[in-house]
Amino acid sequence: MERDETGRNGTKWSIVIVFPAASSSSSVQHPPSSLQPTKLFHSLSPTSLSKSSDFVLIQWSDIDSPSRLDWLGIYSPPSSHHDNFIGYKFLSSTPTWKSGSGPISFPLVNLRFNYSFRIFCWNESDVDPNHLDQNHNPIPDTAHLLATSDDELSFESGRVLDQIHLAYMDEDDEMRVMFVTPDGVGEKEGLLW
């Protein structure tokens, strides 16, 4: 489903998010916020990855007056509050960001929760020079939400170990590891016990 809508200041937005795996669908649960973003539409195709380290490709376009500090927030679970992003990428990390469009690609880890993505506008005047990450980049501000993903990204079920439990044994140097997995996965993955 594709729709175009006009955002704040008459800005027209469209975002396309593409994932390299089989397709499924679900809907996003938007986090609580005092500001509701203009509803921006994009598509996820597909919405499921098969394993950790699979790359996601996110493409955006039609951003008027892009800032070098505009950023994409990564959220898991999708209902997380805006300030609780688990990762972020500056849109300016792509060579075409000044045109108001471009792609970002990065790997994701199966956290056993779905992912959602949000785009925020951030201006130089909003930067706190004392609030930096480990790479000395300013930590993004979530005051100006521009877009939220309508769909969630998930991982295919039954392809990873699940319900992992650790237990001490009688000897100091022994530990028991128990987990649930589909039949035969342990043998195929080379697990030894």
Protein backbone atom coordinates (compact mmCIF):
# COMPACT_ATOMS: atom_id res chain seq x y z
CA MET A 1 0.00 0.00 0.00
CA GLU A 2 1.44 3.38 -0.95
CA ARG A 3 0.15 6.81 -0.08
CA ASP A 4 1.62 10.28 -0.21
CA GLU A 5 0.82 12.85 2.40
CA THR A 6 2.11 16.28 3.16
CA GLY A 7 3.92 16.81 6.46
CA ARG A 8 4.74 19.88 8.52
CA ASN A 9 5.61 23.01 6.58
CA GLY A 10 4.09 21.49 3.42
CA THR A 11 6.96 18.98 3.14
CA LYS A 12 6.09 15.92 1.07
CA TRP A 13 7.61 12.70 2.42
CA SER A 14 8.02 9.20 1.21
CA ILE A 15 10.09 6.44 2.76
CA VAL A 16 10.80 3.01 1.33
CA ILE A 17 12.26 0.30 3.54
CA VAL A 18 13.43 -2.93 1.87
CA PHE A 19 14.51 -6.11 3.64
CA PRO A 20 16.23 -9.06 1.91
CA ALA A 21 14.15 -12.03 3.14
CA ALA A 22 10.71 -13.72 3.05
CA SER A 23 7.61 -11.61 3.60
CA SER A 24 5.14 -11.34 6.44
CA SER A 25 3.25 -8.41 7.92
CA SER A 26 2.24 -6.83 11.20
CA SER A 27 1.39 -3.38 12.43
CA VAL A 28 3.39 -1.00 14.59
CA GLN A 29 2.30 0.09 18.05
CA HIS A 30 3.20 3.76 18.29
CA PRO A 31 4.85 4.89 21.53
CA PRO A 32 3.29 7.45 23.80
CA SER A 33 4.15 10.99 22.71
CA SER A 34 2.89 14.46 23.38
CA LEU A 35 3.48 15.24 19.70
CA GLN A 36 1.88 13.07 17.07
CA PRO A 37 3.86 13.00 13.82
CA THR A 38 2.22 13.57 10.51
CA LYS A 39 1.34 10.14 9.19
CA LEU A 40 3.93 9.24 6.59
CA PHE A 41 3.57 6.10 4.51
CA HIS A 42 6.22 3.73 3.26
CA SER A 43 6.50 0.05 2.56
CA LEU A 44 8.56 -2.78 4.02
CA SER A 45 9.32 -5.50 1.56
CA PRO A 46 9.66 -8.01 3.08
CA THR A 47 9.15 -7.49 6.81
CA SER A 48 11.06 -10.55 8.02
CA LEU A 49 14.76 -11.46 8.18
CA SER A 50 15.94 -15.04 8.45
CA LYS A 51 18.87 -14.65 10.89
CA SER A 52 21.00 -12.24 12.90
CA SER A 53 23.51 -10.29 10.84
CA ASP A 54 21.16 -10.06 7.84
CA PHE A 55 21.28 -6.55 6.44
CA VAL A 56 18.36 -4.18 6.19
CA LEU A 57 18.28 -1.54 3.46
CA ILE A 58 16.32 1.58 4.27
CA GLN A 59 15.67 4.17 1.56
CA TRP A 60 14.12 7.58 2.08
CA SER A 61 13.27 10.46 -0.25
CA ASP A 62 11.57 13.86 -0.56
CA ILE A 63 13.10 15.46 2.54
CA ASP A 64 13.07 19.24 2.08
CA SER A 65 15.98 21.12 3.66
CA PRO A 66 17.81 18.09 5.04
CA SER A 67 20.17 18.66 7.96
CA ARG A 68 23.43 16.76 8.48
CA LEU A 69 21.96 15.78 11.86
CA ASP A 70 18.70 14.21 10.62
CA TRP A 71 18.72 10.64 11.87
CA LEU A 72 17.06 7.24 11.73
CA GLY A 73 16.19 5.66 15.10
CA ILE A 74 16.17 1.89 15.56
CA TYR A 75 13.62 0.61 18.10
CA SER A 76 13.03 -2.80 19.65
CA PRO A 77 10.44 -3.46 20.88
CA PRO A 78 8.53 -1.21 18.50
CA SER A 79 6.41 0.27 21.30
CA SER A 80 9.51 1.85 22.91
CA HIS A 81 9.32 5.51 23.85
CA HIS A 82 11.10 7.86 21.42
CA ASP A 83 14.04 8.37 23.82
CA ASN A 84 14.61 4.60 24.15
CA PHE A 85 16.17 3.91 20.74
CA ILE A 86 18.66 1.02 20.71
CA GLY A 87 20.64 2.44 17.81
CA TYR A 88 20.72 5.27 15.33
CA LYS A 89 22.24 6.25 12.01
CA PHE A 90 22.68 9.79 10.76
CA LEU A 91 21.07 10.16 7.34
CA SER A 92 24.16 12.18 6.38
CA SER A 93 26.18 8.94 6.48
CA THR A 94 25.06 8.39 2.88
CA PRO A 95 26.60 10.36 0.00
CA THR A 96 23.22 11.55 -1.36
CA TRP A 97 21.74 12.94 1.88
CA LYS A 98 21.94 16.59 0.70
CA SER A 99 19.46 15.75 -2.07
CA GLY A 100 16.89 14.75 0.58
CA SER A 101 17.03 11.07 -0.31
CA GLY A 102 19.28 8.06 0.01
CA PRO A 103 19.81 4.52 1.31
CA ILE A 104 21.16 3.25 4.63
CA SER A 105 22.12 -0.39 5.10
CA PHE A 106 23.11 -2.11 8.34
CA PRO A 107 22.88 -5.55 9.97
CA LEU A 108 20.37 -6.35 12.70
CA VAL A 109 20.50 -8.84 15.57
CA ASN A 110 17.59 -11.10 16.45
CA LEU A 111 16.51 -9.69 19.83
CA ARG A 112 13.36 -11.85 19.81
CA PHE A 113 11.32 -8.65 19.55
CA ASN A 114 10.25 -6.88 16.38
CA TYR A 115 11.94 -3.69 15.17
CA SER A 116 10.52 -0.37 14.06
CA PHE A 117 12.21 2.70 12.61
CA ARG A 118 11.65 6.44 13.04
CA ILE A 119 13.15 9.46 11.34
CA PHE A 120 13.86 12.61 13.32
CA CYS A 121 14.83 16.11 12.25
CA TRP A 122 17.62 17.65 14.32
CA ASN A 123 19.14 21.10 13.95
CA GLU A 124 22.58 22.40 14.92
CA SER A 125 20.97 24.77 17.44
CA ASP A 126 19.53 21.77 19.36
CA VAL A 127 22.91 20.07 19.89
CA ASP A 128 24.17 19.71 23.48
CA PRO A 129 28.00 19.68 23.17
CA ASN A 130 28.27 17.86 26.50
CA HIS A 131 25.98 14.98 25.46
CA LEU A 132 28.21 12.82 23.20
CA ASP A 133 28.45 9.12 22.38
CA GLN A 134 31.64 7.00 22.48
CA ASN A 135 32.62 8.25 19.00
CA HIS A 136 32.24 11.90 20.06
CA ASN A 137 29.07 12.30 18.00
CA PRO A 138 26.25 14.25 19.60
CA ILE A 139 23.54 11.98 21.01
CA PRO A 140 20.39 12.57 18.95
CA ASP A 141 17.44 14.57 20.19
CA THR A 142 13.92 13.16 19.72
CA ALA A 143 11.96 16.43 19.83
CA HIS A 144 11.15 16.57 16.10
CA LEU A 145 9.69 13.27 14.89
CA LEU A 146 9.19 13.23 11.12
CA ALA A 147 8.23 9.66 10.27
CA THR A 148 7.40 6.32 11.87
CA SER A 149 7.37 2.93 10.23
CA ASP A 150 3.88 1.55 9.68
CA ASP A 151 5.20 -2.01 9.56
CA GLU A 152 7.48 -3.88 11.93
CA LEU A 153 10.52 -5.91 11.02
CA SER A 154 10.60 -9.41 12.53
CA PHE A 155 12.81 -12.48 12.35
CA GLU A 156 11.61 -15.87 11.17
CA SER A 157 10.72 -18.08 14.13
CA GLY A 158 12.17 -21.50 14.78
CA ARG A 159 15.59 -20.73 13.32
CA VAL A 160 17.42 -19.88 16.54
CA LEU A 161 17.93 -21.34 19.97
CA ASP A 162 15.18 -20.20 22.30
CA GLN A 163 14.43 -20.29 26.04
CA ILE A 164 18.12 -20.62 26.97
CA HIS A 165 18.73 -21.61 30.59
CA LEU A 166 22.04 -21.93 32.46
CA ALA A 167 22.47 -24.02 35.62
CA TYR A 168 25.42 -24.87 37.87
CA MET A 169 26.40 -28.52 38.17
CA ASP A 170 28.05 -30.45 41.02
CA GLU A 171 31.60 -29.51 39.99
CA ASP A 172 32.94 -25.93 40.04
CA ASP A 173 33.94 -26.11 36.39
CA GLU A 174 30.63 -27.50 35.08
CA MET A 175 27.57 -25.72 33.81
CA ARG A 176 24.44 -27.05 32.11
CA VAL A 177 23.00 -25.22 29.12
CA MET A 178 19.44 -26.08 28.10
CA PHE A 179 17.48 -24.64 25.20
CA VAL A 180 14.55 -25.26 22.87
CA THR A 181 15.13 -25.60 19.14
CA PRO A 182 13.44 -27.25 16.15
CA ASP A 183 14.27 -30.93 15.65
CA GLY A 184 17.75 -31.55 14.29
CA VAL A 185 18.92 -27.93 14.39
CA GLY A 186 21.62 -28.68 16.96
CA GLU A 187 23.16 -31.36 14.75
CA LYS A 188 23.09 -29.15 11.66
CA GLU A 189 24.62 -26.22 13.52
CA GLY A 190 27.43 -28.39 14.89
CA LEU A 191 26.46 -28.16 18.55
CA LEU A 192 28.27 -30.61 20.80
CA TRP A 193 26.98 -32.01 24.07
